[in-house]
Structure formats: C-alpha cells, structure tokens
C-alpha cells in the first residue's frame, strides 16, 4: 500500500500544475482496483475478529496491521487442521480462492519438491501445540512452486483449550 502513496503524491503534483482539473479514466481504474483490495482486506479483518470472538480466543491479534500494513496472508484452521478461513490475498500468492480451500488441509499446497524435513518440523510443532516459523516450498494452483514463509501456532480460548491454529504467511525469494 505504501507504493501507492508515492503514486498518489506524484499524480497530485502533476495534475495540480495542469490547466484542466478532470481526472483521467485510468485514474479511476487504478483507484477501483485499490478500493476493491482494501474492501476485501477490511472484510477479512472483520471476519477474523468474528472468528476470534466466537471461539473466545484468549489472545487478540493485530489483524489490521498483519493484513493492511504487512500484507500477510492469514490462514486459520480448526484443531483437525481443516481450513476455516483464509484471507482473500491468498489468491495473489498461490492462485487459490479462499472458498476453494475451505475445509481442506494446508497440505494441499505441498508437492513433490516440498522439503519433507521442514514439513515434518511444522507437523511436530503443530502436534505439540508449539509456535513455529519456517520457509517451505509450496505449490500454486497452476503447479508452479514458490517459497512460503510461515509463522504460526495454536490459538487457545479463554479456558486454555486449543481451539484453532493460525498461520501468517507471505511469499519470499
């Protein structure tokens, strides 16, 4: 989002010097895409806050910061590791729409070249209800692969029971 701030300032400076004061149609195209993304991001923040409230999570997460500023993808699973929510920006990383993967396990993103050792370390951390952080080779819907940084762990309710798992993700070089 910060990249657009520079564009906005440059566009403002350019058009302020012009004799005409109409915005070009292209400006609306860019704004429309940005507006749609922001609306989707805010919907994800609201949905995650609702899940947190419904499941009585003991810890609150800064979803605004994670999604809007850090542009992380957030995946929430139940205790059986079935995806209950994935933020809309997951599509930009791997080509899957959130509704396509709901109810599936995150293993859907793994493939033949995924490091078994890294996958095993993540599985052990999840099984032991521990926090983990790793970079793992994942696969997009089209079969191409990418490196995915994941930081995740269990989410407990106010009585201390693990009710969900959460992962913050992004594509890395």
C-alpha atoms as a PDB file:
ATOM      1  CA  UNK A   1       0.000   0.000   0.000  1.00  0.00           C
ATOM      2  CA  UNK A   2       2.897   2.351   0.663  1.00  0.00           C
ATOM      3  CA  UNK A   3       3.876   2.151  -3.028  1.00  0.00           C
ATOM      4  CA  UNK A   4       0.569   3.767  -3.957  1.00  0.00           C
ATOM      5  CA  UNK A   5       1.209   6.686  -1.615  1.00  0.00           C
ATOM      6  CA  UNK A   6       4.128   7.739  -3.830  1.00  0.00           C
ATOM      7  CA  UNK A   7       1.969   7.377  -6.928  1.00  0.00           C
ATOM      8  CA  UNK A   8      -0.820   9.431  -5.354  1.00  0.00           C
ATOM      9  CA  UNK A   9       1.578  12.240  -4.440  1.00  0.00           C
ATOM     10  CA  UNK A  10       3.199  12.253  -7.883  1.00  0.00           C
ATOM     11  CA  UNK A  11      -0.193  12.215  -9.607  1.00  0.00           C
ATOM     12  CA  UNK A  12      -1.431  15.049  -7.392  1.00  0.00           C
ATOM     13  CA  UNK A  13       1.661  17.175  -8.143  1.00  0.00           C
ATOM     14  CA  UNK A  14       1.348  16.535 -11.884  1.00  0.00           C
ATOM     15  CA  UNK A  15      -2.365  17.288 -12.166  1.00  0.00           C
ATOM     16  CA  UNK A  16      -2.158  20.329  -9.864  1.00  0.00           C
ATOM     17  CA  UNK A  17       0.071  22.003 -12.487  1.00  0.00           C
ATOM     18  CA  UNK A  18      -2.272  21.231 -15.396  1.00  0.00           C
ATOM     19  CA  UNK A  19      -4.824  23.662 -16.797  1.00  0.00           C
ATOM     20  CA  UNK A  20      -7.559  21.034 -16.763  1.00  0.00           C
ATOM     21  CA  UNK A  21      -8.879  19.639 -13.489  1.00  0.00           C
ATOM     22  CA  UNK A  22     -10.514  16.391 -14.684  1.00  0.00           C
ATOM     23  CA  UNK A  23      -9.185  13.016 -13.617  1.00  0.00           C
ATOM     24  CA  UNK A  24      -8.266  10.664 -16.425  1.00  0.00           C
ATOM     25  CA  UNK A  25     -10.341   7.487 -16.739  1.00  0.00           C
ATOM     26  CA  UNK A  26      -7.196   5.457 -15.997  1.00  0.00           C
ATOM     27  CA  UNK A  27      -7.033   7.085 -12.570  1.00  0.00           C
ATOM     28  CA  UNK A  28     -10.396   5.599 -11.714  1.00  0.00           C
ATOM     29  CA  UNK A  29      -9.257   2.175 -12.921  1.00  0.00           C
ATOM     30  CA  UNK A  30      -6.298   2.241 -10.541  1.00  0.00           C
ATOM     31  CA  UNK A  31      -8.418   3.591  -7.704  1.00  0.00           C
ATOM     32  CA  UNK A  32     -11.105   0.974  -8.311  1.00  0.00           C
ATOM     33  CA  UNK A  33      -8.624  -1.924  -8.035  1.00  0.00           C
ATOM     34  CA  UNK A  34      -7.108  -0.401  -4.893  1.00  0.00           C
ATOM     35  CA  UNK A  35     -10.562   0.220  -3.411  1.00  0.00           C
ATOM     36  CA  UNK A  36     -11.647  -3.381  -4.092  1.00  0.00           C
ATOM     37  CA  UNK A  37      -8.495  -4.717  -2.424  1.00  0.00           C
ATOM     38  CA  UNK A  38      -8.971  -2.501   0.641  1.00  0.00           C
ATOM     39  CA  UNK A  39     -12.625  -3.559   0.929  1.00  0.00           C
ATOM     40  CA  UNK A  40     -11.599  -7.226   0.757  1.00  0.00           C
ATOM     41  CA  UNK A  41      -8.892  -6.645   3.362  1.00  0.00           C
ATOM     42  CA  UNK A  42     -11.339  -4.952   5.736  1.00  0.00           C
ATOM     43  CA  UNK A  43     -13.830  -7.790   5.230  1.00  0.00           C
ATOM     44  CA  UNK A  44     -11.090 -10.265   6.189  1.00  0.00           C
ATOM     45  CA  UNK A  45     -10.233  -8.251   9.302  1.00  0.00           C
ATOM     46  CA  UNK A  46     -13.912  -8.252  10.322  1.00  0.00           C
ATOM     47  CA  UNK A  47     -14.296 -11.993   9.662  1.00  0.00           C
ATOM     48  CA  UNK A  48     -11.151 -12.812  11.662  1.00  0.00           C
ATOM     49  CA  UNK A  49     -12.373 -10.658  14.550  1.00  0.00           C
ATOM     50  CA  UNK A  50     -15.703 -12.525  14.454  1.00  0.00           C
ATOM     51  CA  UNK A  51     -13.966 -15.920  14.495  1.00  0.00           C
ATOM     52  CA  UNK A  52     -11.834 -14.735  17.404  1.00  0.00           C
ATOM     53  CA  UNK A  53     -14.908 -13.635  19.337  1.00  0.00           C
ATOM     54  CA  UNK A  54     -16.972 -16.743  18.518  1.00  0.00           C
ATOM     55  CA  UNK A  55     -14.153 -19.083  19.565  1.00  0.00           C
ATOM     56  CA  UNK A  56     -13.283 -16.943  22.642  1.00  0.00           C
ATOM     57  CA  UNK A  57      -9.622 -16.577  21.719  1.00  0.00           C
ATOM     58  CA  UNK A  58      -7.561 -15.569  24.729  1.00  0.00           C
ATOM     59  CA  UNK A  59      -5.087 -13.637  22.602  1.00  0.00           C
ATOM     60  CA  UNK A  60      -6.062 -10.871  20.246  1.00  0.00           C
ATOM     61  CA  UNK A  61      -4.121 -10.397  17.045  1.00  0.00           C
ATOM     62  CA  UNK A  62      -3.454  -7.117  15.245  1.00  0.00           C
ATOM     63  CA  UNK A  63      -5.279  -8.212  12.091  1.00  0.00           C
ATOM     64  CA  UNK A  64      -5.317  -4.662  10.701  1.00  0.00           C
ATOM     65  CA  UNK A  65      -1.538  -4.482  10.893  1.00  0.00           C
ATOM     66  CA  UNK A  66      -0.966  -8.035   9.644  1.00  0.00           C
ATOM     67  CA  UNK A  67      -3.203  -7.640   6.587  1.00  0.00           C
ATOM     68  CA  UNK A  68      -3.177  -3.939   5.735  1.00  0.00           C
ATOM     69  CA  UNK A  69       0.402  -2.999   6.589  1.00  0.00           C
ATOM     70  CA  UNK A  70       2.431  -6.210   6.426  1.00  0.00           C
ATOM     71  CA  UNK A  71       0.194  -7.668   3.691  1.00  0.00           C
ATOM     72  CA  UNK A  72       0.394 -11.128   5.264  1.00  0.00           C
ATOM     73  CA  UNK A  73      -1.882 -13.921   4.233  1.00  0.00           C
ATOM     74  CA  UNK A  74      -3.675 -15.383   7.252  1.00  0.00           C
ATOM     75  CA  UNK A  75      -4.894 -18.962   7.359  1.00  0.00           C
ATOM     76  CA  UNK A  76      -6.967 -20.249  10.289  1.00  0.00           C
ATOM     77  CA  UNK A  77      -7.637 -23.952  10.757  1.00  0.00           C
ATOM     78  CA  UNK A  78      -9.672 -25.935  13.236  1.00  0.00           C
ATOM     79  CA  UNK A  79      -7.988 -28.442  15.553  1.00  0.00           C
ATOM     80  CA  UNK A  80      -8.224 -31.110  12.813  1.00  0.00           C
ATOM     81  CA  UNK A  81      -6.199 -28.759  10.575  1.00  0.00           C
ATOM     82  CA  UNK A  82      -9.125 -28.058   8.239  1.00  0.00           C
ATOM     83  CA  UNK A  83      -9.053 -24.521   6.866  1.00  0.00           C
ATOM     84  CA  UNK A  84     -11.886 -22.444   8.309  1.00  0.00           C
ATOM     85  CA  UNK A  85     -10.699 -19.114   6.905  1.00  0.00           C
ATOM     86  CA  UNK A  86      -8.046 -17.825   4.514  1.00  0.00           C
ATOM     87  CA  UNK A  87      -7.699 -14.166   3.658  1.00  0.00           C
ATOM     88  CA  UNK A  88      -8.564 -13.115   0.118  1.00  0.00           C
ATOM     89  CA  UNK A  89      -4.969 -12.114  -0.624  1.00  0.00           C
ATOM     90  CA  UNK A  90      -4.022 -15.812  -0.666  1.00  0.00           C
ATOM     91  CA  UNK A  91      -5.154 -15.796  -4.306  1.00  0.00           C
ATOM     92  CA  UNK A  92      -2.329 -13.425  -5.237  1.00  0.00           C
ATOM     93  CA  UNK A  93       0.225 -15.813  -3.732  1.00  0.00           C
ATOM     94  CA  UNK A  94      -0.962 -19.194  -4.948  1.00  0.00           C
ATOM     95  CA  UNK A  95      -3.985 -18.861  -7.216  1.00  0.00           C
ATOM     96  CA  UNK A  96      -6.455 -20.471  -4.815  1.00  0.00           C
ATOM     97  CA  UNK A  97      -9.551 -18.564  -3.806  1.00  0.00           C
ATOM     98  CA  UNK A  98     -10.412 -18.883  -0.113  1.00  0.00           C
ATOM     99  CA  UNK A  99     -13.700 -20.648  -0.862  1.00  0.00           C
ATOM    100  CA  UNK A 100     -11.830 -23.319  -2.867  1.00  0.00           C
ATOM    101  CA  UNK A 101      -9.658 -24.367   0.060  1.00  0.00           C
ATOM    102  CA  UNK A 102     -12.111 -24.028   2.935  1.00  0.00           C
ATOM    103  CA  UNK A 103     -12.427 -27.418   4.623  1.00  0.00           C
ATOM    104  CA  UNK A 104      -9.155 -28.685   3.147  1.00  0.00           C
ATOM    105  CA  UNK A 105      -5.839 -29.103   4.941  1.00  0.00           C
ATOM    106  CA  UNK A 106      -2.866 -26.826   4.232  1.00  0.00           C
ATOM    107  CA  UNK A 107      -1.044 -29.876   2.845  1.00  0.00           C
ATOM    108  CA  UNK A 108      -2.861 -29.037  -0.391  1.00  0.00           C
ATOM    109  CA  UNK A 109      -0.045 -26.532  -1.007  1.00  0.00           C
ATOM    110  CA  UNK A 110       2.712 -29.149  -0.746  1.00  0.00           C
ATOM    111  CA  UNK A 111       4.108 -31.200  -3.607  1.00  0.00           C
ATOM    112  CA  UNK A 112       6.958 -33.420  -4.768  1.00  0.00           C
ATOM    113  CA  UNK A 113       9.732 -30.878  -4.133  1.00  0.00           C
ATOM    114  CA  UNK A 114       8.455 -29.767  -0.719  1.00  0.00           C
ATOM    115  CA  UNK A 115      11.120 -30.457   1.885  1.00  0.00           C
ATOM    116  CA  UNK A 116       9.898 -33.405   3.968  1.00  0.00           C
ATOM    117  CA  UNK A 117      12.129 -32.364   6.876  1.00  0.00           C
ATOM    118  CA  UNK A 118      10.642 -28.857   7.026  1.00  0.00           C
ATOM    119  CA  UNK A 119       7.099 -30.224   6.671  1.00  0.00           C
ATOM    120  CA  UNK A 120       7.833 -32.694   9.479  1.00  0.00           C
ATOM    121  CA  UNK A 121       9.156 -29.934  11.785  1.00  0.00           C
ATOM    122  CA  UNK A 122       5.972 -27.932  11.214  1.00  0.00           C
ATOM    123  CA  UNK A 123       3.794 -31.024  11.824  1.00  0.00           C
ATOM    124  CA  UNK A 124       5.616 -31.810  15.079  1.00  0.00           C
ATOM    125  CA  UNK A 125       5.235 -28.207  16.296  1.00  0.00           C
ATOM    126  CA  UNK A 126       1.511 -28.296  15.490  1.00  0.00           C
ATOM    127  CA  UNK A 127       1.096 -31.685  17.159  1.00  0.00           C
ATOM    128  CA  UNK A 128       2.861 -30.366  20.279  1.00  0.00           C
ATOM    129  CA  UNK A 129       0.879 -27.105  20.224  1.00  0.00           C
ATOM    130  CA  UNK A 130       4.034 -25.026  19.772  1.00  0.00           C
ATOM    131  CA  UNK A 131       4.794 -21.899  17.793  1.00  0.00           C
ATOM    132  CA  UNK A 132       6.780 -22.398  14.607  1.00  0.00           C
ATOM    133  CA  UNK A 133       8.418 -20.367  11.865  1.00  0.00           C
ATOM    134  CA  UNK A 134       9.727 -21.805   8.616  1.00  0.00           C
ATOM    135  CA  UNK A 135      10.201 -21.280   4.914  1.00  0.00           C
ATOM    136  CA  UNK A 136       8.755 -24.122   2.886  1.00  0.00           C
ATOM    137  CA  UNK A 137       8.426 -24.798  -0.830  1.00  0.00           C
ATOM    138  CA  UNK A 138       4.728 -24.728  -1.681  1.00  0.00           C
ATOM    139  CA  UNK A 139       2.809 -25.181  -4.915  1.00  0.00           C
ATOM    140  CA  UNK A 140       0.395 -22.852  -6.635  1.00  0.00           C
ATOM    141  CA  UNK A 141      -2.864 -23.997  -8.159  1.00  0.00           C
ATOM    142  CA  UNK A 142      -1.215 -23.983 -11.595  1.00  0.00           C
ATOM    143  CA  UNK A 143       1.524 -26.368 -10.367  1.00  0.00           C
ATOM    144  CA  UNK A 144       4.364 -23.841 -10.186  1.00  0.00           C
ATOM    145  CA  UNK A 145       6.137 -23.551  -6.851  1.00  0.00           C
ATOM    146  CA  UNK A 146       7.135 -20.720  -4.549  1.00  0.00           C
ATOM    147  CA  UNK A 147       8.869 -20.260  -1.210  1.00  0.00           C
ATOM    148  CA  UNK A 148       6.408 -19.534   1.573  1.00  0.00           C
ATOM    149  CA  UNK A 149       7.423 -18.018   4.893  1.00  0.00           C
ATOM    150  CA  UNK A 150       5.045 -19.233   7.589  1.00  0.00           C
ATOM    151  CA  UNK A 151       4.805 -18.178  11.212  1.00  0.00           C
ATOM    152  CA  UNK A 152       2.101 -19.986  13.096  1.00  0.00           C
ATOM    153  CA  UNK A 153       0.905 -21.810  16.124  1.00  0.00           C
ATOM    154  CA  UNK A 154      -2.022 -22.772  18.277  1.00  0.00           C
ATOM    155  CA  UNK A 155      -4.771 -20.411  19.373  1.00  0.00           C
ATOM    156  CA  UNK A 156      -6.235 -21.033  22.805  1.00  0.00           C
ATOM    157  CA  UNK A 157      -9.577 -19.939  24.170  1.00  0.00           C
ATOM    158  CA  UNK A 158     -10.017 -18.177  27.498  1.00  0.00           C
ATOM    159  CA  UNK A 159     -10.001 -21.525  29.350  1.00  0.00           C
ATOM    160  CA  UNK A 160      -6.654 -22.506  27.786  1.00  0.00           C
ATOM    161  CA  UNK A 161      -8.010 -25.097  25.350  1.00  0.00           C
ATOM    162  CA  UNK A 162      -6.551 -25.111  21.816  1.00  0.00           C
ATOM    163  CA  UNK A 163      -9.456 -24.218  19.521  1.00  0.00           C
ATOM    164  CA  UNK A 164      -7.704 -23.178  16.301  1.00  0.00           C
ATOM    165  CA  UNK A 165      -4.349 -22.847  14.619  1.00  0.00           C
ATOM    166  CA  UNK A 166      -3.292 -19.659  12.861  1.00  0.00           C
ATOM    167  CA  UNK A 167      -0.583 -19.012  10.298  1.00  0.00           C
ATOM    168  CA  UNK A 168       0.759 -15.730   8.947  1.00  0.00           C
ATOM    169  CA  UNK A 169       2.287 -16.237   5.516  1.00  0.00           C
ATOM    170  CA  UNK A 170       3.936 -14.475   2.610  1.00  0.00           C
ATOM    171  CA  UNK A 171       5.873 -15.409  -0.473  1.00  0.00           C
ATOM    172  CA  UNK A 172       9.636 -14.922  -0.155  1.00  0.00           C
ATOM    173  CA  UNK A 173      12.536 -15.150  -2.593  1.00  0.00           C
END
